[in-house]
Protein backbone atom coordinates (compact mmCIF):
# COMPACT_ATOMS: atom_id res chain seq x y z
CA MET A 1 10.70 13.44 -29.61
CA TRP A 2 13.87 11.52 -29.05
CA SER A 3 16.27 12.32 -31.84
CA ARG A 4 18.08 9.05 -31.62
CA ALA A 5 17.05 5.81 -33.71
CA ALA A 6 15.42 3.50 -31.24
CA ASP A 7 16.78 0.52 -33.05
CA SER A 8 20.24 1.46 -32.47
CA TYR A 9 19.73 0.58 -28.86
CA SER A 10 18.00 -2.63 -29.32
CA ARG A 11 20.31 -4.54 -26.90
CA ASN A 12 20.05 -4.50 -23.19
CA MET A 13 20.61 -0.92 -21.72
CA ILE A 14 21.56 -1.72 -18.08
CA GLU A 15 22.92 -5.16 -17.42
CA ALA A 16 24.29 -6.32 -13.86
CA ARG A 17 26.08 -9.65 -13.47
CA SER A 18 26.57 -11.01 -9.96
CA LEU A 19 26.81 -7.37 -8.59
CA THR A 20 27.66 -7.42 -4.96
CA LYS A 21 28.55 -4.66 -2.45
CA GLN A 22 30.08 -5.26 0.89
CA TYR A 23 30.22 -2.68 3.68
CA GLY A 24 32.29 -4.17 6.43
CA LYS A 25 30.30 -7.34 7.53
CA THR A 26 27.02 -5.90 5.86
CA ARG A 27 26.38 -7.22 2.51
CA ALA A 28 24.21 -4.38 0.93
CA ILE A 29 23.40 -6.02 -2.28
CA ASP A 30 24.02 -9.93 -2.91
CA GLU A 31 24.94 -11.36 -6.36
CA LEU A 32 22.38 -9.22 -8.38
CA THR A 33 21.81 -10.34 -11.92
CA PHE A 34 19.44 -8.51 -14.03
CA THR A 35 18.88 -6.49 -17.37
CA VAL A 36 16.82 -3.23 -17.64
CA GLU A 37 15.65 -2.97 -21.42
CA PRO A 38 14.73 -0.34 -23.69
CA GLY A 39 11.02 0.69 -24.58
CA ARG A 40 9.60 0.15 -21.21
CA VAL A 41 9.37 1.66 -17.59
CA THR A 42 11.16 -0.68 -14.94
CA GLY A 43 9.82 -0.19 -11.51
CA PHE A 44 12.54 -0.84 -8.86
CA LEU A 45 10.82 -1.81 -5.59
CA GLY A 46 12.10 -2.76 -2.17
CA PRO A 47 11.69 -1.83 1.54
CA ASN A 48 14.11 0.95 3.14
CA GLY A 49 17.72 -0.58 3.27
CA SER A 50 17.02 -3.25 0.56
CA GLY A 51 19.66 -1.96 -1.67
CA LYS A 52 17.86 -0.03 -4.23
CA SER A 53 20.01 3.23 -3.63
CA THR A 54 23.19 1.30 -3.43
CA THR A 55 22.36 -0.35 -6.70
CA MET A 56 21.70 2.92 -8.45
CA ARG A 57 24.92 4.34 -7.07
CA LEU A 58 26.84 1.31 -8.62
CA ILE A 59 25.02 1.74 -11.85
CA LEU A 60 26.11 5.49 -11.99
CA GLY A 61 29.74 5.04 -10.89
CA LEU A 62 29.20 6.91 -7.47
CA ASP A 63 30.55 3.70 -5.83
CA SER A 64 32.37 0.80 -6.84
CA PRO A 65 31.25 -2.96 -6.48
CA THR A 66 32.88 -5.34 -4.28
CA SER A 67 32.50 -7.85 -7.03
CA GLY A 68 30.44 -8.55 -10.12
CA THR A 69 29.85 -5.95 -12.82
CA VAL A 70 27.23 -3.37 -14.02
CA THR A 71 27.27 -1.61 -17.34
CA VAL A 72 25.26 0.92 -19.50
CA LEU A 73 25.40 0.17 -23.13
CA GLY A 74 27.90 -2.29 -22.63
CA ARG A 75 30.26 0.03 -20.68
CA ARG A 76 30.95 1.10 -17.26
CA TYR A 77 29.55 4.43 -16.37
CA ARG A 78 33.02 5.79 -15.52
CA GLU A 79 34.08 5.04 -19.07
CA LEU A 80 31.86 7.39 -20.48
CA LYS A 81 33.33 10.64 -21.57
CA TYR A 82 30.20 12.62 -21.73
CA PRO A 83 27.82 10.52 -19.39
CA LEU A 84 24.73 12.76 -19.85
CA HIS A 85 24.56 11.74 -23.59
CA THR A 86 24.10 8.06 -22.40
CA VAL A 87 22.50 8.17 -18.91
CA GLY A 88 20.34 10.90 -17.31
CA ALA A 89 19.53 10.30 -13.49
CA LEU A 90 17.62 11.96 -11.04
CA LEU A 91 18.60 10.69 -7.29
CA ASP A 92 18.06 14.00 -5.32
CA ALA A 93 16.16 16.98 -6.67
CA GLY A 94 17.36 19.15 -3.81
CA ASP A 95 20.98 18.69 -4.78
CA VAL A 96 21.11 21.78 -6.67
CA LEU A 97 23.00 25.06 -5.95
CA GLY A 98 20.06 27.47 -4.78
CA SER A 99 21.92 30.69 -5.90
CA ARG A 100 21.91 29.45 -9.49
CA SER A 101 18.72 30.05 -11.94
CA ALA A 102 17.17 26.97 -13.58
CA ALA A 103 18.68 28.18 -16.93
CA GLN A 104 22.20 28.45 -15.35
CA HIS A 105 22.17 25.23 -13.58
CA LEU A 106 21.34 23.27 -16.93
CA ALA A 107 23.72 25.59 -19.01
CA PHE A 108 26.71 24.49 -16.53
CA LEU A 109 25.57 20.76 -17.02
CA ALA A 110 25.43 21.43 -20.90
CA ALA A 111 28.84 22.88 -20.97
CA SER A 112 30.41 20.21 -18.97
CA ASN A 113 29.06 17.57 -21.39
CA GLY A 114 29.35 19.21 -24.77
CA ILE A 115 25.71 19.80 -25.21
CA ALA A 116 24.63 22.62 -27.23
CA PRO A 117 23.30 25.55 -25.32
CA ARG A 118 19.91 25.68 -27.24
CA ARG A 119 19.18 22.38 -25.58
CA VAL A 120 18.70 24.15 -22.37
CA ASP A 121 15.68 25.98 -23.75
CA GLU A 122 14.16 22.80 -25.23
CA VAL A 123 14.23 20.84 -22.13
CA LEU A 124 13.04 23.95 -20.08
CA ASP A 125 9.88 24.26 -22.30
CA ARG A 126 9.55 20.25 -22.26
CA VAL A 127 9.15 20.25 -18.43
CA GLY A 128 7.05 23.29 -18.13
CA LEU A 129 9.66 25.63 -16.56
CA THR A 130 10.25 28.28 -19.29
CA ASP A 131 8.53 31.01 -17.35
CA VAL A 132 10.83 30.63 -14.57
CA ALA A 133 14.05 29.69 -16.32
CA GLY A 134 15.81 33.01 -14.86
CA LYS A 135 14.40 32.52 -11.23
CA LYS A 136 16.89 31.11 -8.59
CA VAL A 137 16.37 27.62 -7.70
CA LYS A 138 16.09 28.24 -3.92
CA GLY A 139 12.73 29.75 -4.47
CA PHE A 140 11.43 26.81 -6.10
CA SER A 141 8.83 24.36 -4.78
CA LEU A 142 9.37 20.73 -4.48
CA GLY A 143 7.36 20.21 -7.65
CA MET A 144 9.51 22.69 -9.66
CA ARG A 145 12.57 21.25 -8.37
CA GLN A 146 11.45 17.75 -9.57
CA ARG A 147 10.76 19.17 -12.92
CA LEU A 148 14.21 20.78 -12.94
CA GLY A 149 15.78 17.38 -12.02
CA ILE A 150 13.88 15.66 -14.91
CA ALA A 151 15.18 18.42 -17.32
CA ALA A 152 18.86 17.72 -16.15
CA ALA A 153 18.17 13.99 -16.79
CA ILE A 154 16.94 14.43 -20.27
CA LEU A 155 19.42 17.33 -21.19
CA GLY A 156 21.75 15.08 -23.02
CA ASP A 157 19.02 13.43 -24.99
CA PRO A 158 20.13 9.89 -23.27
CA ALA A 159 19.14 6.53 -23.92
CA ILE A 160 18.85 5.57 -20.17
CA LEU A 161 17.00 7.29 -17.44
CA ILE A 162 17.40 6.49 -13.73
CA LEU A 163 14.99 8.09 -11.38
CA ASP A 164 14.60 7.90 -7.66
CA GLU A 165 11.27 9.08 -6.09
CA PRO A 166 10.61 11.57 -8.84
CA VAL A 167 7.03 12.02 -7.49
CA ASN A 168 7.98 12.57 -3.92
CA GLY A 169 5.95 15.44 -2.33
CA LEU A 170 4.24 16.34 -5.64
CA ASP A 171 0.59 17.11 -5.96
CA THR A 172 -1.90 15.27 -8.08
CA GLU A 173 -1.00 17.44 -11.20
CA GLY A 174 2.66 17.07 -10.89
CA ILE A 175 2.28 13.28 -10.28
CA ARG A 176 0.37 13.00 -13.38
CA TRP A 177 2.67 15.08 -15.43
CA ILE A 178 5.56 12.70 -14.11
CA ARG A 179 3.61 9.75 -15.06
CA GLN A 180 3.01 10.77 -18.61
CA THR A 181 6.42 12.12 -19.01
CA LEU A 182 7.92 8.74 -18.12
CA ARG A 183 5.56 6.74 -20.28
CA ALA A 184 6.43 9.03 -23.16
CA MET A 185 10.23 8.53 -22.74
CA ALA A 186 9.61 4.80 -22.85
CA ASP A 187 7.49 5.04 -25.84
CA GLU A 188 10.30 6.96 -27.47
CA GLY A 189 12.47 3.90 -26.98
CA ARG A 190 14.45 4.91 -23.94
CA THR A 191 15.22 2.58 -20.87
CA VAL A 192 13.45 4.18 -17.59
CA LEU A 193 14.31 2.68 -14.27
CA LEU A 194 12.09 4.16 -11.72
CA SER A 195 12.66 3.77 -8.06
CA SER A 196 9.58 4.61 -5.76
CA HIS A 197 7.73 3.98 -2.69
CA MET A 198 4.54 5.04 -4.40
CA MET A 199 3.44 1.67 -5.62
CA SER A 200 0.16 2.77 -6.85
CA GLU A 201 1.84 5.29 -9.12
CA THR A 202 4.41 2.59 -9.99
CA GLN A 203 1.72 0.06 -11.04
CA LEU A 204 0.06 2.69 -13.28
CA VAL A 205 3.38 3.48 -15.21
CA ALA A 206 5.67 0.43 -14.87
CA ASP A 207 5.61 -2.45 -17.56
CA HIS A 208 8.13 -4.36 -15.48
CA LEU A 209 9.39 -4.85 -11.97
CA LEU A 210 12.58 -5.72 -10.05
CA VAL A 211 11.93 -6.14 -6.47
CA LEU A 212 14.83 -6.28 -3.95
CA SER A 213 14.84 -7.47 -0.17
CA ARG A 214 17.80 -7.68 2.02
CA GLY A 215 19.93 -6.98 -1.08
CA LYS A 216 18.73 -10.04 -3.03
CA LEU A 217 16.59 -10.09 -6.12
CA MET A 218 13.12 -11.43 -5.31
CA ALA A 219 11.08 -10.71 -8.59
CA ASP A 220 12.16 -9.74 -12.00
CA GLN A 221 9.00 -10.14 -14.27
CA PRO A 222 6.36 -7.96 -16.03
CA THR A 223 4.09 -6.01 -13.56
CA ARG A 224 0.75 -7.97 -14.41
CA GLU A 225 2.63 -11.35 -14.26
CA PHE A 226 4.19 -10.19 -10.98
CA VAL A 227 0.55 -9.53 -9.48
CA GLU A 228 -0.94 -12.75 -10.96
CA ARG A 229 1.75 -15.19 -10.20
CA HIS A 230 1.82 -14.31 -6.56
CA SER A 231 -2.07 -13.67 -6.16
CA GLU A 232 -4.75 -16.04 -5.28
CA PRO A 233 -7.47 -15.83 -7.90
CA MET A 234 -10.66 -13.92 -6.99
CA VAL A 235 -13.91 -13.31 -8.49
CA LEU A 236 -16.68 -11.07 -7.71
CA VAL A 237 -20.07 -12.59 -8.68
CA ARG A 238 -23.50 -11.04 -8.55
CA SER A 239 -26.46 -13.49 -8.75
CA ALA A 240 -29.79 -14.33 -7.16
CA ASP A 241 -28.65 -17.90 -6.99
CA LEU A 242 -25.56 -17.45 -4.87
CA ALA A 243 -26.34 -20.18 -2.48
CA GLU A 244 -26.58 -22.59 -5.28
CA LEU A 245 -23.23 -21.34 -6.91
CA ALA A 246 -21.64 -21.76 -3.60
CA ALA A 247 -22.66 -25.49 -3.32
CA ALA A 248 -21.41 -25.98 -6.67
CA VAL A 249 -17.94 -24.56 -6.29
CA GLY A 250 -17.56 -25.27 -2.57
CA ALA A 251 -18.95 -23.21 0.30
CA ASP A 252 -15.60 -22.55 1.70
CA ARG A 253 -14.53 -20.67 -1.34
CA VAL A 254 -17.38 -18.13 -1.33
CA GLU A 255 -18.11 -15.10 0.87
CA ILE A 256 -21.76 -13.98 0.54
CA ARG A 257 -23.14 -10.42 1.15
CA GLY A 258 -26.84 -10.08 -0.20
CA ASP A 259 -26.73 -10.78 -3.97
CA ILE A 260 -22.93 -10.21 -4.18
CA GLY A 261 -20.33 -12.97 -3.61
CA THR A 262 -16.68 -13.30 -3.75
CA VAL A 263 -15.20 -16.65 -4.72
CA ARG A 264 -11.60 -17.46 -3.89
CA GLY A 265 -9.36 -19.95 -5.65
CA LEU A 266 -11.02 -19.97 -8.79
CA ARG A 267 -10.72 -17.83 -12.05
CA SER A 268 -13.66 -15.90 -13.63
CA ARG A 269 -13.56 -18.66 -16.46
CA GLU A 270 -13.90 -21.46 -14.14
CA VAL A 271 -16.69 -19.76 -12.20
CA GLY A 272 -18.57 -19.10 -15.51
CA ARG A 273 -18.27 -22.49 -16.69
CA ILE A 274 -19.56 -24.14 -13.42
CA ALA A 275 -22.46 -21.66 -13.46
CA ALA A 276 -23.41 -22.23 -16.95
CA ALA A 277 -23.20 -26.20 -16.46
CA ARG A 278 -25.77 -25.77 -13.68
CA GLY A 279 -27.89 -23.30 -15.38
CA ILE A 280 -27.07 -20.56 -12.77
CA ALA A 281 -27.90 -17.04 -14.02
CA LEU A 282 -24.89 -14.60 -13.33
CA ASP A 283 -25.58 -10.97 -13.34
CA GLU A 284 -21.82 -10.00 -13.04
CA LEU A 285 -18.71 -12.04 -13.06
CA THR A 286 -15.56 -9.71 -12.56
CA PRO A 287 -11.99 -10.86 -11.71
CA ILE A 288 -10.66 -9.08 -8.48
CA HIS A 289 -6.97 -8.35 -8.87
CA ASP A 290 -4.43 -7.65 -5.96
CA SER A 291 -2.53 -4.44 -6.13
CA VAL A 292 1.39 -4.48 -6.66
CA GLU A 293 1.46 -3.01 -3.13
CA ASP A 294 -0.40 -5.98 -1.76
CA VAL A 295 1.84 -8.59 -3.43
CA PHE A 296 5.01 -6.67 -2.57
CA THR A 297 3.94 -6.63 1.04
CA ARG A 298 3.29 -10.45 1.13
CA LEU A 299 6.51 -11.21 -0.83
CA VAL A 300 8.88 -9.31 1.35
CA SER A 301 7.10 -9.83 4.70
CA GLY A 302 9.28 -11.70 7.14
CA LEU A 303 12.17 -11.60 4.64
CA HIS A 304 13.45 -8.29 5.15
CA THR A 305 15.67 -7.29 8.28
CA PHE A 306 16.81 -3.65 8.93
CA ALA A 307 20.43 -3.24 8.16
CA PRO A 308 21.84 0.06 9.69
CA HIS A 309 24.94 0.45 7.37
CA GLU A 310 22.67 -0.13 4.45
CA SER A 311 20.08 2.34 5.71
CA LEU A 312 22.83 4.87 5.97
CA GLN A 313 23.64 4.25 2.28
CA GLU A 314 20.05 4.54 1.34
CA SER A 315 19.56 7.97 2.76
CA ALA A 316 23.01 9.27 1.53
């Protein structure tokens, strides 16, 4: 468990205000204002070249904003003397010297940030790499590298975690492990910012979403609200009297296949009340929800243009 007191980090963990980054004539991110708060997983979504990687680089002090600010615990990242104690990040699981063992890699990071050597063994155990601690990283599978990246990110027992595509290339077991790990970290009181193209996985673990397109913030809201606000209500109905129900709610709203109907534009409570008022027996009344991917696709469709310079930054 996290050794720090969660209430000591009750204020906003990551805070961006009018954050802007210009590359020549291309504005990679444009006046971003948002906060990423503790105790929840925040999903960070956007098409390739939308500005996600640029934003994370600015948070981590790997690049400087053209204007605006972004802080962690109220300070700029570059002002942190031992940053791993405050922010843990996984941007590229392959960015490790292959000639080092897992233990050596973590020991180097620990020494550079004033972290006790015993912490290396603790995090290796937590991510399930104790048995391969002495093996060289060049022989690791992608899944093992991802676990090592998570170990490096939590090495300093940080309040904040920033993870870019942590499930990339993993098998089902590895994806489930990372999902459970991120959920546990948020439940411990940490702030987790998760960037991923795997939206089905993001939907399973993220409490809140930030959505970018063309460097602009398109959405900043709880995951459930994001789906409901940008979706048309739909209800699946099973009944022997679907024709009568269709006549009551409007035939143009109902698609019937046998004894199953799909009602658009009304919520289950409204359909239930209409059916009850007319004495129509319903065997099933189930809301149908769009996925995060469905809503995301509609939201950014036609709004995103490919920016060559930003795509270069995204792949860096």
